[in-house]
Amino acid sequence: MVEPGSSKTAKAGEKPGPGRYICIDCGREIRIDSTDADLVKCPTCACEMYNCFPMTHIRPDIKTPEDVMNPPKRKK
């Protein structure tokens, strides 16, 4: 089950960053919110490969975990 526009993959054990990861075997979706979280084997079928849908709405001025907690003021 591949969504249109997806060509990037990630393997269990990697730290791929925030986003949605769809198991290439069963289609189960795993969501990661942290930049340092490991991608785990699929809980449903134990597959280790995922199609990646990285988070793309992160503000360009957010560069560190501290910026997330205290975001810079937006210019008006």
N, C-alpha and C. Protein backbone atom coordinates (compact mmCIF):
# COMPACT_ATOMS: atom_id res chain seq x y z
N MET A 1 0.85 -1.17 0.00
CA MET A 1 0.00 0.00 0.00
C MET A 1 0.90 1.24 0.00
N VAL A 2 1.02 1.89 -1.13
CA VAL A 2 1.88 3.05 -1.27
C VAL A 2 1.02 4.25 -1.64
N GLU A 3 1.19 5.33 -0.89
CA GLU A 3 0.45 6.55 -1.23
C GLU A 3 1.17 7.26 -2.36
N PRO A 4 0.43 7.97 -3.21
CA PRO A 4 1.05 8.68 -4.32
C PRO A 4 2.12 9.66 -3.86
N GLY A 5 3.20 9.75 -4.61
CA GLY A 5 4.27 10.69 -4.28
C GLY A 5 5.27 10.18 -3.27
N SER A 6 5.11 8.95 -2.83
CA SER A 6 6.05 8.41 -1.84
C SER A 6 7.12 7.60 -2.53
N SER A 7 8.37 7.96 -2.30
CA SER A 7 9.45 7.15 -2.85
C SER A 7 10.51 6.89 -1.80
N LYS A 8 10.46 7.59 -0.68
CA LYS A 8 11.45 7.43 0.37
C LYS A 8 11.03 6.32 1.32
N THR A 9 11.99 5.53 1.75
CA THR A 9 11.70 4.47 2.70
C THR A 9 12.61 4.62 3.92
N ALA A 10 12.20 3.99 5.01
CA ALA A 10 13.00 3.96 6.24
C ALA A 10 12.94 2.55 6.79
N LYS A 11 13.98 2.19 7.52
CA LYS A 11 14.07 0.85 8.09
C LYS A 11 13.98 0.94 9.61
N ALA A 12 13.38 -0.08 10.22
CA ALA A 12 13.30 -0.15 11.68
C ALA A 12 14.69 -0.01 12.27
N GLY A 13 14.79 0.72 13.37
CA GLY A 13 16.07 0.96 14.02
C GLY A 13 16.66 2.31 13.68
N GLU A 14 16.17 2.94 12.59
CA GLU A 14 16.65 4.27 12.21
C GLU A 14 15.93 5.33 13.04
N LYS A 15 16.47 6.54 13.02
CA LYS A 15 15.83 7.70 13.63
C LYS A 15 15.44 8.64 12.49
N PRO A 16 14.32 8.35 11.82
CA PRO A 16 13.98 9.10 10.60
C PRO A 16 13.40 10.49 10.84
N GLY A 17 13.06 10.80 12.09
CA GLY A 17 12.50 12.11 12.38
C GLY A 17 10.97 12.09 12.38
N PRO A 18 10.37 13.23 12.72
CA PRO A 18 8.91 13.30 12.83
C PRO A 18 8.23 13.03 11.49
N GLY A 19 7.10 12.35 11.55
CA GLY A 19 6.32 12.09 10.35
C GLY A 19 5.48 10.84 10.47
N ARG A 20 4.92 10.44 9.33
CA ARG A 20 4.10 9.22 9.25
C ARG A 20 4.90 8.17 8.50
N TYR A 21 4.83 6.94 8.97
CA TYR A 21 5.55 5.83 8.36
C TYR A 21 4.55 4.71 8.14
N ILE A 22 4.42 4.26 6.88
CA ILE A 22 3.44 3.24 6.51
C ILE A 22 4.18 1.95 6.20
N CYS A 23 3.83 0.87 6.89
CA CYS A 23 4.46 -0.44 6.68
C CYS A 23 4.25 -0.86 5.22
N ILE A 24 5.33 -1.31 4.56
CA ILE A 24 5.21 -1.68 3.15
C ILE A 24 4.51 -3.03 2.97
N ASP A 25 4.42 -3.84 4.04
CA ASP A 25 3.75 -5.14 3.92
C ASP A 25 2.26 -5.07 4.25
N CYS A 26 1.90 -4.51 5.41
CA CYS A 26 0.50 -4.56 5.83
C CYS A 26 -0.22 -3.22 5.80
N GLY A 27 0.52 -2.11 5.64
CA GLY A 27 -0.11 -0.80 5.56
C GLY A 27 -0.36 -0.13 6.90
N ARG A 28 0.09 -0.72 7.98
CA ARG A 28 -0.11 -0.09 9.29
C ARG A 28 0.69 1.21 9.36
N GLU A 29 0.06 2.22 9.94
CA GLU A 29 0.71 3.52 10.06
C GLU A 29 1.31 3.70 11.45
N ILE A 30 2.57 4.16 11.47
CA ILE A 30 3.26 4.51 12.71
C ILE A 30 3.53 6.01 12.62
N ARG A 31 3.27 6.72 13.70
CA ARG A 31 3.56 8.16 13.74
C ARG A 31 4.68 8.41 14.74
N ILE A 32 5.61 9.26 14.33
CA ILE A 32 6.72 9.64 15.21
C ILE A 32 6.67 11.16 15.36
N ASP A 33 6.70 11.62 16.59
CA ASP A 33 6.64 13.05 16.87
C ASP A 33 8.00 13.63 17.29
N SER A 34 8.94 12.77 17.63
CA SER A 34 10.23 13.21 18.15
C SER A 34 11.33 13.01 17.10
N THR A 35 12.32 13.89 17.11
CA THR A 35 13.43 13.76 16.16
C THR A 35 14.40 12.65 16.57
N ASP A 36 14.37 12.23 17.84
CA ASP A 36 15.33 11.21 18.28
C ASP A 36 14.67 9.87 18.63
N ALA A 37 13.42 9.66 18.17
CA ALA A 37 12.75 8.38 18.42
C ALA A 37 13.13 7.36 17.35
N ASP A 38 13.34 6.12 17.78
CA ASP A 38 13.66 5.04 16.84
C ASP A 38 12.39 4.54 16.17
N LEU A 39 12.49 4.18 14.90
CA LEU A 39 11.40 3.53 14.19
C LEU A 39 11.45 2.05 14.59
N VAL A 40 10.33 1.51 15.04
CA VAL A 40 10.28 0.12 15.52
C VAL A 40 9.77 -0.80 14.42
N LYS A 41 9.99 -2.11 14.60
CA LYS A 41 9.39 -3.08 13.69
C LYS A 41 7.88 -2.93 13.75
N CYS A 42 7.20 -3.22 12.65
CA CYS A 42 5.75 -3.11 12.61
C CYS A 42 5.13 -4.00 13.68
N PRO A 43 4.28 -3.43 14.55
CA PRO A 43 3.66 -4.24 15.60
C PRO A 43 2.69 -5.30 15.06
N THR A 44 2.21 -5.12 13.84
CA THR A 44 1.25 -6.06 13.27
C THR A 44 1.93 -7.24 12.59
N CYS A 45 2.94 -6.96 11.73
CA CYS A 45 3.52 -8.05 10.92
C CYS A 45 5.03 -8.20 11.08
N ALA A 46 5.68 -7.39 11.91
CA ALA A 46 7.12 -7.44 12.18
C ALA A 46 7.98 -7.04 10.98
N CYS A 47 7.38 -6.42 9.96
CA CYS A 47 8.15 -5.90 8.83
C CYS A 47 9.06 -4.77 9.32
N GLU A 48 10.19 -4.58 8.66
CA GLU A 48 11.13 -3.54 9.07
C GLU A 48 11.20 -2.37 8.10
N MET A 49 10.45 -2.39 7.00
CA MET A 49 10.53 -1.32 6.01
C MET A 49 9.23 -0.51 5.97
N TYR A 50 9.40 0.78 5.87
CA TYR A 50 8.26 1.71 5.85
C TYR A 50 8.41 2.72 4.71
N ASN A 51 7.28 3.15 4.16
CA ASN A 51 7.27 4.30 3.28
C ASN A 51 7.19 5.53 4.17
N CYS A 52 7.97 6.57 3.85
CA CYS A 52 8.07 7.75 4.69
C CYS A 52 7.20 8.90 4.17
N PHE A 53 6.56 9.55 5.10
CA PHE A 53 5.82 10.78 4.83
C PHE A 53 6.24 11.78 5.90
N PRO A 54 7.41 12.41 5.69
CA PRO A 54 7.95 13.29 6.73
C PRO A 54 7.04 14.49 6.98
N MET A 55 7.14 15.00 8.19
CA MET A 55 6.38 16.18 8.57
C MET A 55 6.91 17.36 7.77
N THR A 56 6.02 18.06 7.09
CA THR A 56 6.48 19.15 6.21
C THR A 56 5.97 20.51 6.64
N HIS A 57 5.23 20.56 7.73
CA HIS A 57 4.67 21.84 8.14
C HIS A 57 5.47 22.53 9.24
N ILE A 58 6.68 22.07 9.48
CA ILE A 58 7.51 22.68 10.53
C ILE A 58 8.00 24.05 10.05
N ARG A 59 7.88 25.03 10.89
CA ARG A 59 8.33 26.38 10.54
C ARG A 59 9.83 26.38 10.28
N PRO A 60 10.28 27.14 9.27
CA PRO A 60 11.71 27.17 8.96
C PRO A 60 12.56 27.80 10.06
N ASP A 61 11.96 28.62 10.94
CA ASP A 61 12.74 29.25 12.00
C ASP A 61 12.83 28.37 13.25
N ILE A 62 12.24 27.18 13.22
CA ILE A 62 12.33 26.22 14.33
C ILE A 62 13.46 25.24 13.98
N LYS A 63 14.59 25.39 14.67
CA LYS A 63 15.76 24.59 14.32
C LYS A 63 16.24 23.67 15.44
N THR A 64 15.84 23.95 16.67
CA THR A 64 16.30 23.14 17.80
C THR A 64 15.12 22.75 18.68
N PRO A 65 15.30 21.74 19.54
CA PRO A 65 14.22 21.39 20.47
C PRO A 65 13.83 22.56 21.38
N GLU A 66 14.80 23.43 21.70
CA GLU A 66 14.50 24.60 22.54
C GLU A 66 13.57 25.56 21.80
N ASP A 67 13.76 25.69 20.46
CA ASP A 67 12.89 26.56 19.66
C ASP A 67 11.44 26.05 19.69
N VAL A 68 11.27 24.74 19.76
CA VAL A 68 9.93 24.17 19.80
C VAL A 68 9.24 24.58 21.10
N MET A 69 9.97 24.52 22.19
CA MET A 69 9.41 24.87 23.49
C MET A 69 9.18 26.39 23.63
N ASN A 70 10.05 27.18 23.02
CA ASN A 70 9.96 28.65 23.08
C ASN A 70 10.13 29.19 21.66
N PRO A 71 9.09 29.09 20.83
CA PRO A 71 9.23 29.48 19.42
C PRO A 71 9.56 30.97 19.27
N PRO A 72 10.41 31.29 18.27
CA PRO A 72 10.68 32.70 18.00
C PRO A 72 9.41 33.43 17.62
N LYS A 73 9.33 34.70 17.93
CA LYS A 73 8.15 35.49 17.57
C LYS A 73 8.06 35.59 16.05
N ARG A 74 6.84 35.49 15.55
CA ARG A 74 6.62 35.65 14.11
C ARG A 74 6.66 37.14 13.78
N LYS A 75 7.23 37.43 12.61
CA LYS A 75 7.25 38.82 12.16
C LYS A 75 5.89 39.16 11.57
N LYS A 76 5.44 40.37 11.84
CA LYS A 76 4.11 40.76 11.34
C LYS A 76 4.22 41.51 10.04
